[in-house]
Amino acid sequence: MNRVIKYCMAGFGNVGVRFTRLLLEKSVELAAVYGCEMCLTAVCTRSKGTLMNPNGLDLEKVLAMNEKLGRFDEADPSFVRCDTKTMIEEADAELLIELTTLSIDDGEPAASYIKEALDRGMHVITANKGPEAWRFDEIDALAREKGRMFLYETIVMDGAPIFNLVREALRGNKIFGIKGILNGTTNFILGELEKGGTYEEAIKEAQRRQLAEADPSMDVDGWDGAAKICALANILMRAKTNPRQAQVESVAKIGCGDIEAAREKGCRIKYICRAEPDVENSGVRLSVRPELLPLNDPLANVNGTSAAITLYTDLAGEISIVQTDPGILQTAYGLYSDLLTLIKDTK
């Protein structure tokens, strides 16, 4: 008899929708290979409403409702009025999939949702980098205390296996430095500048392609990158820091003259996130800023909306990973890979 995992979801935007479709696409494989069936008992959103049924919601119906109405149907028998905290309390689930919007200022309310779920004996999988950037040690300690899993593979580079790589394949290594291109929007903008366009034209093209928001400041001013490098440092280097401690410079200051000057030096400008030892203060120094990279640097030829990371280790040396033009499927896969980890490690 297959194991049934009851789960609830906080948030149901593009990532939640694609993850739900992926679960449907993989349902036969989950049952045949992993001996597991997934049962969604509740999904709570800020703008679409909440659905709850401890016996399980019909995923096809939830998806169809969302696609047709852009929200959940108040006439549906499973529709309820409650907030996310109440949903976690009443969902009768063993797993929370946390997909709420990032708050760069404090990681809330996602961090509190995760803590609430762990306190209630639930495992947690999240795509939200805010809690790891602001309160990782606290949440990780709570998960260990409760004997629950707290998983977050998709928070930095969608489905690229950064944390799984360190946890499984780089056992025994100490990570003493991290360098990465972690924001696809700014990498695309720099590529447009290299083609001869202006910064304003690059922003408009990024918005046209739905790579940038109407207000692109979270990306271009470096705060998305700051949250990501902070989360990485907190998890992989035990940095105990937060995004406000990062030295951040906007990519908006880069012009065509800077691009040409870099080219003349045999370099390219890339928007680099770094976590490095701060020996003087016995900590970790974080930065997000445009840098000149020589063409032989593994990150120098990462183009488009691609992302990349280099880990500096004491035993394995430098390890670089490139993810080429990731899309929403890769983000959903990051969640799915965490689910498979959970299934494997909680038999």
C-alpha atoms as a PDB file:
ATOM      1  CA  MET A   1       0.000   0.000   0.000  1.00  0.00           C
ATOM      2  CA  ASN A   2       1.383   3.392  -1.001  1.00  0.00           C
ATOM      3  CA  ARG A   3       2.275   6.025   1.552  1.00  0.00           C
ATOM      4  CA  VAL A   4      -0.029   9.063   1.429  1.00  0.00           C
ATOM      5  CA  ILE A   5       1.540  12.440   2.180  1.00  0.00           C
ATOM      6  CA  LYS A   6      -0.977  15.096   3.124  1.00  0.00           C
ATOM      7  CA  TYR A   7       0.296  18.571   2.335  1.00  0.00           C
ATOM      8  CA  CYS A   8      -0.938  22.154   2.357  1.00  0.00           C
ATOM      9  CA  MET A   9       0.267  25.157   0.359  1.00  0.00           C
ATOM     10  CA  ALA A  10       0.772  28.783   1.334  1.00  0.00           C
ATOM     11  CA  GLY A  11       0.631  30.694  -1.942  1.00  0.00           C
ATOM     12  CA  PHE A  12      -0.564  29.624  -5.383  1.00  0.00           C
ATOM     13  CA  GLY A  13       1.115  31.837  -7.949  1.00  0.00           C
ATOM     14  CA  ASN A  14       2.978  30.722 -11.060  1.00  0.00           C
ATOM     15  CA  VAL A  15       5.359  28.478  -9.137  1.00  0.00           C
ATOM     16  CA  GLY A  16       2.567  26.841  -7.146  1.00  0.00           C
ATOM     17  CA  VAL A  17       0.548  26.221 -10.294  1.00  0.00           C
ATOM     18  CA  ARG A  18       3.504  24.666 -12.151  1.00  0.00           C
ATOM     19  CA  PHE A  19       4.437  22.546  -9.147  1.00  0.00           C
ATOM     20  CA  THR A  20       0.875  21.269  -8.936  1.00  0.00           C
ATOM     21  CA  ARG A  21       0.914  20.364 -12.627  1.00  0.00           C
ATOM     22  CA  LEU A  22       4.247  18.624 -12.106  1.00  0.00           C
ATOM     23  CA  LEU A  23       2.759  16.516  -9.324  1.00  0.00           C
ATOM     24  CA  LEU A  24      -0.013  15.443 -11.690  1.00  0.00           C
ATOM     25  CA  GLU A  25       2.511  14.664 -14.437  1.00  0.00           C
ATOM     26  CA  LYS A  26       4.619  12.612 -12.028  1.00  0.00           C
ATOM     27  CA  SER A  27       1.809  10.922 -10.074  1.00  0.00           C
ATOM     28  CA  VAL A  28       2.311   7.514 -11.731  1.00  0.00           C
ATOM     29  CA  GLU A  29       6.075   7.674 -11.168  1.00  0.00           C
ATOM     30  CA  LEU A  30       5.631   8.777  -7.560  1.00  0.00           C
ATOM     31  CA  ALA A  31       3.423   5.768  -6.920  1.00  0.00           C
ATOM     32  CA  ALA A  32       5.427   3.189  -8.887  1.00  0.00           C
ATOM     33  CA  VAL A  33       8.975   4.247  -8.017  1.00  0.00           C
ATOM     34  CA  TYR A  34       8.610   5.971  -4.655  1.00  0.00           C
ATOM     35  CA  GLY A  35       5.495   4.245  -3.293  1.00  0.00           C
ATOM     36  CA  CYS A  36       3.926   7.598  -2.545  1.00  0.00           C
ATOM     37  CA  GLU A  37       0.717   9.503  -3.262  1.00  0.00           C
ATOM     38  CA  MET A  38       0.273  13.219  -2.644  1.00  0.00           C
ATOM     39  CA  CYS A  39      -2.896  14.587  -1.067  1.00  0.00           C
ATOM     40  CA  LEU A  40      -3.468  18.364  -1.026  1.00  0.00           C
ATOM     41  CA  THR A  41      -5.651  19.218   1.965  1.00  0.00           C
ATOM     42  CA  ALA A  42      -5.553  23.023   1.793  1.00  0.00           C
ATOM     43  CA  VAL A  43      -4.222  25.955  -0.202  1.00  0.00           C
ATOM     44  CA  CYS A  44      -4.292  29.504   1.147  1.00  0.00           C
ATOM     45  CA  THR A  45      -3.535  32.688  -0.792  1.00  0.00           C
ATOM     46  CA  ARG A  46      -3.621  36.391  -0.080  1.00  0.00           C
ATOM     47  CA  SER A  47      -5.646  37.334  -3.160  1.00  0.00           C
ATOM     48  CA  LYS A  48      -7.356  34.182  -4.466  1.00  0.00           C
ATOM     49  CA  GLY A  49      -8.915  32.862  -1.283  1.00  0.00           C
ATOM     50  CA  THR A  50      -8.541  29.537   0.503  1.00  0.00           C
ATOM     51  CA  LEU A  51      -9.618  25.973  -0.253  1.00  0.00           C
ATOM     52  CA  MET A  52      -9.604  23.304   2.435  1.00  0.00           C
ATOM     53  CA  ASN A  53     -10.662  19.666   2.595  1.00  0.00           C
ATOM     54  CA  PRO A  54      -8.885  17.285   5.004  1.00  0.00           C
ATOM     55  CA  ASN A  55      -9.877  14.395   2.747  1.00  0.00           C
ATOM     56  CA  GLY A  56      -8.078  15.953  -0.213  1.00  0.00           C
ATOM     57  CA  LEU A  57      -8.701  18.508  -2.946  1.00  0.00           C
ATOM     58  CA  ASP A  58      -8.991  17.600  -6.628  1.00  0.00           C
ATOM     59  CA  LEU A  59      -5.838  19.056  -8.203  1.00  0.00           C
ATOM     60  CA  GLU A  60      -7.318  19.192 -11.686  1.00  0.00           C
ATOM     61  CA  LYS A  61     -10.308  21.085 -10.339  1.00  0.00           C
ATOM     62  CA  VAL A  62      -8.126  23.528  -8.391  1.00  0.00           C
ATOM     63  CA  LEU A  63      -6.037  24.245 -11.490  1.00  0.00           C
ATOM     64  CA  ALA A  64      -9.081  24.668 -13.715  1.00  0.00           C
ATOM     65  CA  MET A  65     -10.715  27.010 -11.209  1.00  0.00           C
ATOM     66  CA  ASN A  66      -7.585  29.128 -10.975  1.00  0.00           C
ATOM     67  CA  GLU A  67      -7.155  29.280 -14.754  1.00  0.00           C
ATOM     68  CA  LYS A  68     -10.776  30.189 -15.438  1.00  0.00           C
ATOM     69  CA  LEU A  69     -11.379  32.711 -12.652  1.00  0.00           C
ATOM     70  CA  GLY A  70      -7.894  33.778 -11.589  1.00  0.00           C
ATOM     71  CA  ARG A  71      -8.993  32.912  -8.057  1.00  0.00           C
ATOM     72  CA  PHE A  72     -10.817  30.221  -6.097  1.00  0.00           C
ATOM     73  CA  ASP A  73     -14.592  29.966  -6.498  1.00  0.00           C
ATOM     74  CA  GLU A  74     -16.427  31.109  -3.373  1.00  0.00           C
ATOM     75  CA  ALA A  75     -19.305  28.803  -4.332  1.00  0.00           C
ATOM     76  CA  ASP A  76     -17.073  25.740  -4.145  1.00  0.00           C
ATOM     77  CA  PRO A  77     -17.818  23.520  -1.101  1.00  0.00           C
ATOM     78  CA  SER A  78     -14.122  23.581  -0.159  1.00  0.00           C
ATOM     79  CA  PHE A  79     -13.879  27.384  -0.116  1.00  0.00           C
ATOM     80  CA  VAL A  80     -13.249  28.816   3.363  1.00  0.00           C
ATOM     81  CA  ARG A  81     -12.329  32.190   4.790  1.00  0.00           C
ATOM     82  CA  CYS A  82      -9.187  32.021   6.889  1.00  0.00           C
ATOM     83  CA  ASP A  83      -5.635  33.278   7.037  1.00  0.00           C
ATOM     84  CA  THR A  84      -2.509  31.218   6.458  1.00  0.00           C
ATOM     85  CA  LYS A  85      -1.845  30.586  10.150  1.00  0.00           C
ATOM     86  CA  THR A  86      -5.341  29.150  10.586  1.00  0.00           C
ATOM     87  CA  MET A  87      -4.927  27.082   7.432  1.00  0.00           C
ATOM     88  CA  ILE A  88      -1.732  25.554   8.846  1.00  0.00           C
ATOM     89  CA  GLU A  89      -3.533  24.794  12.113  1.00  0.00           C
ATOM     90  CA  GLU A  90      -6.541  23.147  10.479  1.00  0.00           C
ATOM     91  CA  ALA A  91      -5.195  21.558   7.289  1.00  0.00           C
ATOM     92  CA  ASP A  92      -4.488  18.144   8.859  1.00  0.00           C
ATOM     93  CA  ALA A  93      -1.250  18.004   6.859  1.00  0.00           C
ATOM     94  CA  GLU A  94       2.250  16.670   7.533  1.00  0.00           C
ATOM     95  CA  LEU A  95       3.954  18.971   5.017  1.00  0.00           C
ATOM     96  CA  LEU A  96       3.771  22.694   4.271  1.00  0.00           C
ATOM     97  CA  ILE A  97       4.784  23.931   0.823  1.00  0.00           C
ATOM     98  CA  GLU A  98       5.564  27.615   1.495  1.00  0.00           C
ATOM     99  CA  LEU A  99       5.404  29.837  -1.611  1.00  0.00           C
ATOM    100  CA  THR A 100       4.501  33.284  -0.320  1.00  0.00           C
ATOM    101  CA  THR A 101       6.023  36.549  -1.552  1.00  0.00           C
ATOM    102  CA  LEU A 102       9.513  37.588  -0.476  1.00  0.00           C
ATOM    103  CA  SER A 103       9.813  40.344   2.110  1.00  0.00           C
ATOM    104  CA  ILE A 104      13.332  41.740   1.814  1.00  0.00           C
ATOM    105  CA  ASP A 105      12.912  43.726   5.041  1.00  0.00           C
ATOM    106  CA  ASP A 106      12.500  40.871   7.511  1.00  0.00           C
ATOM    107  CA  GLY A 107      11.588  37.579   5.815  1.00  0.00           C
ATOM    108  CA  GLU A 108       8.067  37.793   7.205  1.00  0.00           C
ATOM    109  CA  PRO A 109       5.409  36.505   7.264  1.00  0.00           C
ATOM    110  CA  ALA A 110       7.004  33.454   5.614  1.00  0.00           C
ATOM    111  CA  ALA A 111       9.379  32.819   8.516  1.00  0.00           C
ATOM    112  CA  SER A 112       6.485  32.752  10.984  1.00  0.00           C
ATOM    113  CA  TYR A 113       4.471  30.412   8.752  1.00  0.00           C
ATOM    114  CA  ILE A 114       7.418  28.029   8.597  1.00  0.00           C
ATOM    115  CA  LYS A 115       7.929  28.152  12.360  1.00  0.00           C
ATOM    116  CA  GLU A 116       4.215  27.559  12.957  1.00  0.00           C
ATOM    117  CA  ALA A 117       4.300  24.492  10.720  1.00  0.00           C
ATOM    118  CA  LEU A 118       7.428  23.092  12.376  1.00  0.00           C
ATOM    119  CA  ASP A 119       5.962  23.708  15.838  1.00  0.00           C
ATOM    120  CA  ARG A 120       2.980  21.601  14.771  1.00  0.00           C
ATOM    121  CA  GLY A 121       5.210  18.743  13.680  1.00  0.00           C
ATOM    122  CA  MET A 122       5.083  19.426   9.938  1.00  0.00           C
ATOM    123  CA  HIS A 123       7.916  19.201   7.452  1.00  0.00           C
ATOM    124  CA  VAL A 124       8.485  22.331   5.342  1.00  0.00           C
ATOM    125  CA  ILE A 125       9.562  22.894   1.739  1.00  0.00           C
ATOM    126  CA  THR A 126       9.915  26.520   0.695  1.00  0.00           C
ATOM    127  CA  ALA A 127      10.793  28.565  -2.385  1.00  0.00           C
ATOM    128  CA  ASN A 128      11.108  31.728  -0.289  1.00  0.00           C
ATOM    129  CA  LYS A 129      14.648  33.002   0.353  1.00  0.00           C
ATOM    130  CA  GLY A 130      13.561  35.555   2.957  1.00  0.00           C
ATOM    131  CA  PRO A 131      13.421  33.210   5.961  1.00  0.00           C
ATOM    132  CA  GLU A 132      16.882  31.794   5.190  1.00  0.00           C
ATOM    133  CA  ALA A 133      18.309  35.273   4.645  1.00  0.00           C
ATOM    134  CA  TRP A 134      16.967  36.578   7.950  1.00  0.00           C
ATOM    135  CA  ARG A 135      16.320  33.723  10.375  1.00  0.00           C
ATOM    136  CA  PHE A 136      17.991  30.569   9.087  1.00  0.00           C
ATOM    137  CA  ASP A 137      19.732  29.495  12.293  1.00  0.00           C
ATOM    138  CA  GLU A 138      16.558  29.919  14.331  1.00  0.00           C
ATOM    139  CA  ILE A 139      14.413  27.964  11.885  1.00  0.00           C
ATOM    140  CA  ASP A 140      17.013  25.265  11.291  1.00  0.00           C
ATOM    141  CA  ALA A 141      17.413  24.749  15.045  1.00  0.00           C
ATOM    142  CA  LEU A 142      13.639  24.446  15.456  1.00  0.00           C
ATOM    143  CA  ALA A 143      13.437  21.878  12.652  1.00  0.00           C
ATOM    144  CA  ARG A 144      16.163  19.803  14.301  1.00  0.00           C
ATOM    145  CA  GLU A 145      14.484  20.099  17.702  1.00  0.00           C
ATOM    146  CA  LYS A 146      11.190  18.873  16.255  1.00  0.00           C
ATOM    147  CA  GLY A 147      12.812  16.166  14.144  1.00  0.00           C
ATOM    148  CA  ARG A 148      11.309  17.649  10.980  1.00  0.00           C
ATOM    149  CA  MET A 149      12.815  18.482   7.588  1.00  0.00           C
ATOM    150  CA  PHE A 150      13.278  22.068   6.409  1.00  0.00           C
ATOM    151  CA  LEU A 151      14.136  22.101   2.689  1.00  0.00           C
ATOM    152  CA  TYR A 152      14.823  25.039   0.352  1.00  0.00           C
ATOM    153  CA  GLU A 153      16.643  23.884  -2.794  1.00  0.00           C
ATOM    154  CA  THR A 154      14.869  26.322  -5.115  1.00  0.00           C
ATOM    155  CA  ILE A 155      15.555  29.575  -3.242  1.00  0.00           C
ATOM    156  CA  VAL A 156      18.693  30.650  -5.124  1.00  0.00           C
ATOM    157  CA  MET A 157      19.021  29.020  -8.561  1.00  0.00           C
ATOM    158  CA  ASP A 158      15.638  27.419  -9.237  1.00  0.00           C
ATOM    159  CA  GLY A 159      16.252  23.687  -9.704  1.00  0.00           C
ATOM    160  CA  ALA A 160      20.065  23.749  -9.779  1.00  0.00           C
ATOM    161  CA  PRO A 161      21.238  21.399  -6.997  1.00  0.00           C
ATOM    162  CA  ILE A 162      23.332  23.754  -4.892  1.00  0.00           C
ATOM    163  CA  PHE A 163      22.364  22.619  -1.407  1.00  0.00           C
ATOM    164  CA  ASN A 164      21.981  18.976  -2.434  1.00  0.00           C
ATOM    165  CA  LEU A 165      25.433  19.157  -4.010  1.00  0.00           C
ATOM    166  CA  VAL A 166      27.021  20.386  -0.793  1.00  0.00           C
ATOM    167  CA  ARG A 167      25.002  18.045   1.401  1.00  0.00           C
ATOM    168  CA  GLU A 168      25.436  14.877  -0.669  1.00  0.00           C
ATOM    169  CA  ALA A 169      28.424  15.207  -3.008  1.00  0.00           C
ATOM    170  CA  LEU A 170      30.730  17.564  -1.095  1.00  0.00           C
ATOM    171  CA  ARG A 171      30.613  15.908   2.294  1.00  0.00           C
ATOM    172  CA  GLY A 172      33.570  16.837   4.461  1.00  0.00           C
ATOM    173  CA  ASN A 173      34.235  20.103   2.628  1.00  0.00           C
ATOM    174  CA  LYS A 174      34.206  23.517   4.229  1.00  0.00           C
ATOM    175  CA  ILE A 175      32.744  26.290   2.064  1.00  0.00           C
ATOM    176  CA  PHE A 176      34.901  29.351   2.674  1.00  0.00           C
ATOM    177  CA  GLY A 177      33.709  31.539  -0.200  1.00  0.00           C
ATOM    178  CA  ILE A 178      30.854  31.950  -2.684  1.00  0.00           C
ATOM    179  CA  LYS A 179      30.657  33.944  -5.912  1.00  0.00           C
ATOM    180  CA  GLY A 180      27.676  34.000  -8.223  1.00  0.00           C
ATOM    181  CA  ILE A 181      25.531  35.533 -10.923  1.00  0.00           C
ATOM    182  CA  LEU A 182      22.263  35.031  -9.111  1.00  0.00           C
ATOM    183  CA  ASN A 183      19.817  37.412 -10.774  1.00  0.00           C
ATOM    184  CA  GLY A 184      18.823  36.603 -14.351  1.00  0.00           C
ATOM    185  CA  THR A 185      17.162  39.974 -14.963  1.00  0.00           C
ATOM    186  CA  THR A 186      20.317  42.003 -14.362  1.00  0.00           C
ATOM    187  CA  ASN A 187      22.400  39.533 -16.358  1.00  0.00           C
ATOM    188  CA  PHE A 188      19.993  40.023 -19.275  1.00  0.00           C
ATOM    189  CA  ILE A 189      20.208  43.816 -18.919  1.00  0.00           C
ATOM    190  CA  LEU A 190      24.018  43.747 -19.058  1.00  0.00           C
ATOM    191  CA  GLY A 191      23.772  41.602 -22.175  1.00  0.00           C
ATOM    192  CA  GLU A 192      21.511  44.170 -23.830  1.00  0.00           C
ATOM    193  CA  LEU A 193      24.013  46.917 -22.970  1.00  0.00           C
ATOM    194  CA  GLU A 194      26.752  44.867 -24.620  1.00  0.00           C
ATOM    195  CA  LYS A 195      24.637  44.819 -27.780  1.00  0.00           C
ATOM    196  CA  GLY A 196      24.712  48.621 -27.822  1.00  0.00           C
ATOM    197  CA  GLY A 197      21.400  49.438 -26.187  1.00  0.00           C
ATOM    198  CA  THR A 198      20.832  51.961 -23.417  1.00  0.00           C
ATOM    199  CA  TYR A 199      19.941  51.099 -19.844  1.00  0.00           C
ATOM    200  CA  GLU A 200      16.390  52.396 -20.362  1.00  0.00           C
ATOM    201  CA  GLU A 201      15.963  50.275 -23.507  1.00  0.00           C
ATOM    202  CA  ALA A 202      17.296  47.219 -21.674  1.00  0.00           C
ATOM    203  CA  ILE A 203      14.803  47.707 -18.840  1.00  0.00           C
ATOM    204  CA  LYS A 204      11.896  48.060 -21.284  1.00  0.00           C
ATOM    205  CA  GLU A 205      12.933  44.897 -23.123  1.00  0.00           C
ATOM    206  CA  ALA A 206      13.236  42.985 -19.842  1.00  0.00           C
ATOM    207  CA  GLN A 207       9.761  44.166 -18.894  1.00  0.00           C
ATOM    208  CA  ARG A 208       8.393  43.228 -22.320  1.00  0.00           C
ATOM    209  CA  ARG A 209       9.736  39.714 -21.834  1.00  0.00           C
ATOM    210  CA  GLN A 210       8.253  39.635 -18.328  1.00  0.00           C
ATOM    211  CA  LEU A 211      11.718  39.305 -16.802  1.00  0.00           C
ATOM    212  CA  ALA A 212      11.397  42.552 -14.857  1.00  0.00           C
ATOM    213  CA  GLU A 213       8.521  43.980 -12.843  1.00  0.00           C
ATOM    214  CA  ALA A 214       6.962  47.378 -13.554  1.00  0.00           C
ATOM    215  CA  ASP A 215       9.176  48.509 -10.676  1.00  0.00           C
ATOM    216  CA  PRO A 216      12.459  46.668 -11.346  1.00  0.00           C
ATOM    217  CA  SER A 217      14.273  48.047  -8.304  1.00  0.00           C
ATOM    218  CA  MET A 218      14.374  44.756  -6.379  1.00  0.00           C
ATOM    219  CA  ASP A 219      16.492  43.292  -9.178  1.00  0.00           C
ATOM    220  CA  VAL A 220      18.499  46.240 -10.517  1.00  0.00           C
ATOM    221  CA  ASP A 221      19.288  47.738  -7.114  1.00  0.00           C
ATOM    222  CA  GLY A 222      20.622  44.398  -5.912  1.00  0.00           C
ATOM    223  CA  TRP A 223      18.232  43.402  -3.138  1.00  0.00           C
ATOM    224  CA  ASP A 224      17.173  40.131  -4.741  1.00  0.00           C
ATOM    225  CA  GLY A 225      20.861  39.270  -5.053  1.00  0.00           C
ATOM    226  CA  ALA A 226      21.487  40.381  -1.483  1.00  0.00           C
ATOM    227  CA  ALA A 227      18.793  38.038  -0.167  1.00  0.00           C
ATOM    228  CA  LYS A 228      20.199  35.154  -2.204  1.00  0.00           C
ATOM    229  CA  ILE A 229      23.850  35.570  -1.241  1.00  0.00           C
ATOM    230  CA  CYS A 230      22.824  36.097   2.363  1.00  0.00           C
ATOM    231  CA  ALA A 231      20.768  32.886   2.351  1.00  0.00           C
ATOM    232  CA  LEU A 232      23.678  31.020   0.785  1.00  0.00           C
ATOM    233  CA  ALA A 233      26.141  32.378   3.338  1.00  0.00           C
ATOM    234  CA  ASN A 234      23.851  31.633   6.269  1.00  0.00           C
ATOM    235  CA  ILE A 235      23.255  28.055   5.129  1.00  0.00           C
ATOM    236  CA  LEU A 236      26.645  27.069   3.701  1.00  0.00           C
ATOM    237  CA  MET A 237      28.989  29.251   5.783  1.00  0.00           C
ATOM    238  CA  ARG A 238      26.923  29.705   8.969  1.00  0.00           C
ATOM    239  CA  ALA A 239      27.312  33.454   8.515  1.00  0.00           C
ATOM    240  CA  LYS A 240      24.546  34.672  10.866  1.00  0.00           C
ATOM    241  CA  THR A 241      23.939  37.743   8.719  1.00  0.00           C
ATOM    242  CA  ASN A 242      21.048  39.454   6.898  1.00  0.00           C
ATOM    243  CA  PRO A 243      20.584  41.325   3.585  1.00  0.00           C
ATOM    244  CA  ARG A 244      20.948  44.753   5.149  1.00  0.00           C
ATOM    245  CA  GLN A 245      24.549  43.932   6.040  1.00  0.00           C
ATOM    246  CA  ALA A 246      25.500  43.379   2.390  1.00  0.00           C
ATOM    247  CA  GLN A 247      27.375  46.061   0.443  1.00  0.00           C
ATOM    248  CA  VAL A 248      25.048  46.667  -2.499  1.00  0.00           C
ATOM    249  CA  GLU A 249      25.585  48.739  -5.638  1.00  0.00           C
ATOM    250  CA  SER A 250      22.947  49.174  -8.327  1.00  0.00           C
ATOM    251  CA  VAL A 251      23.522  47.887 -11.837  1.00  0.00           C
ATOM    252  CA  ALA A 252      21.790  51.067 -13.051  1.00  0.00           C
ATOM    253  CA  LYS A 253      25.075  52.971 -12.814  1.00  0.00           C
ATOM    254  CA  ILE A 254      26.568  50.924 -15.682  1.00  0.00           C
ATOM    255  CA  GLY A 255      26.543  52.623 -19.090  1.00  0.00           C
ATOM    256  CA  CYS A 256      27.713  51.811 -22.611  1.00  0.00           C
ATOM    257  CA  GLY A 257      31.064  53.513 -21.899  1.00  0.00           C
ATOM    258  CA  ASP A 258      31.702  51.110 -19.015  1.00  0.00           C
ATOM    259  CA  ILE A 259      30.891  48.152 -21.246  1.00  0.00           C
ATOM    260  CA  GLU A 260      33.301  49.349 -23.930  1.00  0.00           C
ATOM    261  CA  ALA A 261      36.068  50.056 -21.404  1.00  0.00           C
ATOM    262  CA  ALA A 262      35.691  46.517 -20.038  1.00  0.00           C
ATOM    263  CA  ARG A 263      35.854  45.088 -23.557  1.00  0.00           C
ATOM    264  CA  GLU A 264      39.109  46.952 -24.217  1.00  0.00           C
ATOM    265  CA  LYS A 265      40.606  45.345 -21.104  1.00  0.00           C
ATOM    266  CA  GLY A 266      39.586  41.864 -22.286  1.00  0.00           C
ATOM    267  CA  CYS A 267      36.897  41.681 -19.607  1.00  0.00           C
ATOM    268  CA  ARG A 268      33.135  41.666 -19.199  1.00  0.00           C
ATOM    269  CA  ILE A 269      31.025  43.376 -16.572  1.00  0.00           C
ATOM    270  CA  LYS A 270      28.902  40.976 -14.553  1.00  0.00           C
ATOM    271  CA  TYR A 271      26.622  41.628 -11.581  1.00  0.00           C
ATOM    272  CA  ILE A 272      28.359  39.539  -8.942  1.00  0.00           C
ATOM    273  CA  CYS A 273      27.169  38.389  -5.535  1.00  0.00           C
ATOM    274  CA  ARG A 274      29.961  37.445  -3.126  1.00  0.00           C
ATOM    275  CA  ALA A 275      30.343  35.963   0.339  1.00  0.00           C
ATOM    276  CA  GLU A 276      33.940  36.099   1.597  1.00  0.00           C
ATOM    277  CA  PRO A 277      35.666  35.660   4.942  1.00  0.00           C
ATOM    278  CA  ASP A 278      35.942  38.862   6.955  1.00  0.00           C
ATOM    279  CA  VAL A 279      38.999  37.948   8.993  1.00  0.00           C
ATOM    280  CA  GLU A 280      39.175  41.268  10.818  1.00  0.00           C
ATOM    281  CA  ASN A 281      35.667  40.877  12.230  1.00  0.00           C
ATOM    282  CA  SER A 282      35.620  37.063  12.398  1.00  0.00           C
ATOM    283  CA  GLY A 283      32.605  36.950  10.128  1.00  0.00           C
ATOM    284  CA  VAL A 284      31.519  36.934   6.494  1.00  0.00           C
ATOM    285  CA  ARG A 285      31.517  39.924   4.161  1.00  0.00           C
ATOM    286  CA  LEU A 286      28.699  40.109   1.600  1.00  0.00           C
ATOM    287  CA  SER A 287      28.582  42.214  -1.559  1.00  0.00           C
ATOM    288  CA  VAL A 288      26.392  42.633  -4.647  1.00  0.00           C
ATOM    289  CA  ARG A 289      27.875  44.858  -7.340  1.00  0.00           C
ATOM    290  CA  PRO A 290      29.047  45.093 -10.956  1.00  0.00           C
ATOM    291  CA  GLU A 291      32.534  43.639 -11.399  1.00  0.00           C
ATOM    292  CA  LEU A 292      35.064  43.267 -14.195  1.00  0.00           C
ATOM    293  CA  LEU A 293      35.661  39.582 -14.889  1.00  0.00           C
ATOM    294  CA  PRO A 294      38.460  38.311 -17.141  1.00  0.00           C
ATOM    295  CA  LEU A 295      37.172  36.199 -20.015  1.00  0.00           C
ATOM    296  CA  ASN A 296      38.688  33.024 -18.539  1.00  0.00           C
ATOM    297  CA  ASP A 297      36.546  33.322 -15.420  1.00  0.00           C
ATOM    298  CA  PRO A 298      33.847  30.576 -15.439  1.00  0.00           C
ATOM    299  CA  LEU A 299      31.192  33.245 -14.818  1.00  0.00           C
ATOM    300  CA  ALA A 300      32.306  35.660 -17.543  1.00  0.00           C
ATOM    301  CA  ASN A 301      30.469  33.846 -20.336  1.00  0.00           C
ATOM    302  CA  VAL A 302      27.201  33.251 -18.511  1.00  0.00           C
ATOM    303  CA  ASN A 303      24.693  35.033 -20.730  1.00  0.00           C
ATOM    304  CA  GLY A 304      21.001  35.842 -21.065  1.00  0.00           C
ATOM    305  CA  THR A 305      18.924  34.976 -18.017  1.00  0.00           C
ATOM    306  CA  SER A 306      21.312  32.221 -17.011  1.00  0.00           C
ATOM    307  CA  ALA A 307      22.665  31.994 -13.475  1.00  0.00           C
ATOM    308  CA  ALA A 308      25.894  30.583 -12.101  1.00  0.00           C
ATOM    309  CA  ILE A 309      27.685  30.005  -8.857  1.00  0.00           C
ATOM    310  CA  THR A 310      31.231  29.185  -7.797  1.00  0.00           C
ATOM    311  CA  LEU A 311      31.834  27.534  -4.436  1.00  0.00           C
ATOM    312  CA  TYR A 312      35.298  27.784  -2.919  1.00  0.00           C
ATOM    313  CA  THR A 313      35.997  24.679  -0.839  1.00  0.00           C
ATOM    314  CA  ASP A 314      38.929  23.558   1.266  1.00  0.00           C
ATOM    315  CA  LEU A 315      39.175  20.043  -0.217  1.00  0.00           C
ATOM    316  CA  ALA A 316      37.436  19.937  -3.608  1.00  0.00           C
ATOM    317  CA  GLY A 317      38.761  23.296  -4.803  1.00  0.00           C
ATOM    318  CA  GLU A 318      36.562  25.571  -6.908  1.00  0.00           C
ATOM    319  CA  ILE A 319      33.242  24.098  -8.031  1.00  0.00           C
ATOM    320  CA  SER A 320      31.142  26.047 -10.547  1.00  0.00           C
ATOM    321  CA  ILE A 321      27.579  25.377 -11.674  1.00  0.00           C
ATOM    322  CA  VAL A 322      25.788  27.109 -14.550  1.00  0.00           C
ATOM    323  CA  GLN A 323      22.051  26.964 -15.105  1.00  0.00           C
ATOM    324  CA  THR A 324      21.139  28.067 -18.617  1.00  0.00           C
ATOM    325  CA  ASP A 325      18.070  30.297 -18.975  1.00  0.00           C
ATOM    326  CA  PRO A 326      15.928  28.649 -16.273  1.00  0.00           C
ATOM    327  CA  GLY A 327      12.149  28.871 -16.475  1.00  0.00           C
ATOM    328  CA  ILE A 328       9.195  28.196 -14.233  1.00  0.00           C
ATOM    329  CA  LEU A 329       9.544  24.421 -14.722  1.00  0.00           C
ATOM    330  CA  GLN A 330      13.012  24.520 -13.194  1.00  0.00           C
ATOM    331  CA  THR A 331      11.679  26.387 -10.161  1.00  0.00           C
ATOM    332  CA  ALA A 332       8.918  23.801  -9.772  1.00  0.00           C
ATOM    333  CA  TYR A 333      11.516  21.062 -10.126  1.00  0.00           C
ATOM    334  CA  GLY A 334      13.463  22.521  -7.202  1.00  0.00           C
ATOM    335  CA  LEU A 335      10.395  21.954  -5.035  1.00  0.00           C
ATOM    336  CA  TYR A 336       9.904  18.483  -6.497  1.00  0.00           C
ATOM    337  CA  SER A 337      13.517  17.527  -5.789  1.00  0.00           C
ATOM    338  CA  ASP A 338      13.009  18.573  -2.169  1.00  0.00           C
ATOM    339  CA  LEU A 339       9.871  16.437  -2.059  1.00  0.00           C
ATOM    340  CA  LEU A 340      11.840  13.410  -3.273  1.00  0.00           C
ATOM    341  CA  THR A 341      14.465  14.099  -0.591  1.00  0.00           C
ATOM    342  CA  LEU A 342      11.702  14.191   2.001  1.00  0.00           C
ATOM    343  CA  ILE A 343      10.194  10.940   0.748  1.00  0.00           C
ATOM    344  CA  LYS A 344      13.584   9.201   0.752  1.00  0.00           C
ATOM    345  CA  ASP A 345      14.659  10.437   4.183  1.00  0.00           C
ATOM    346  CA  THR A 346      11.377   9.933   6.077  1.00  0.00           C
ATOM    347  CA  LYS A 347      10.442   6.365   5.114  1.00  0.00           C
END
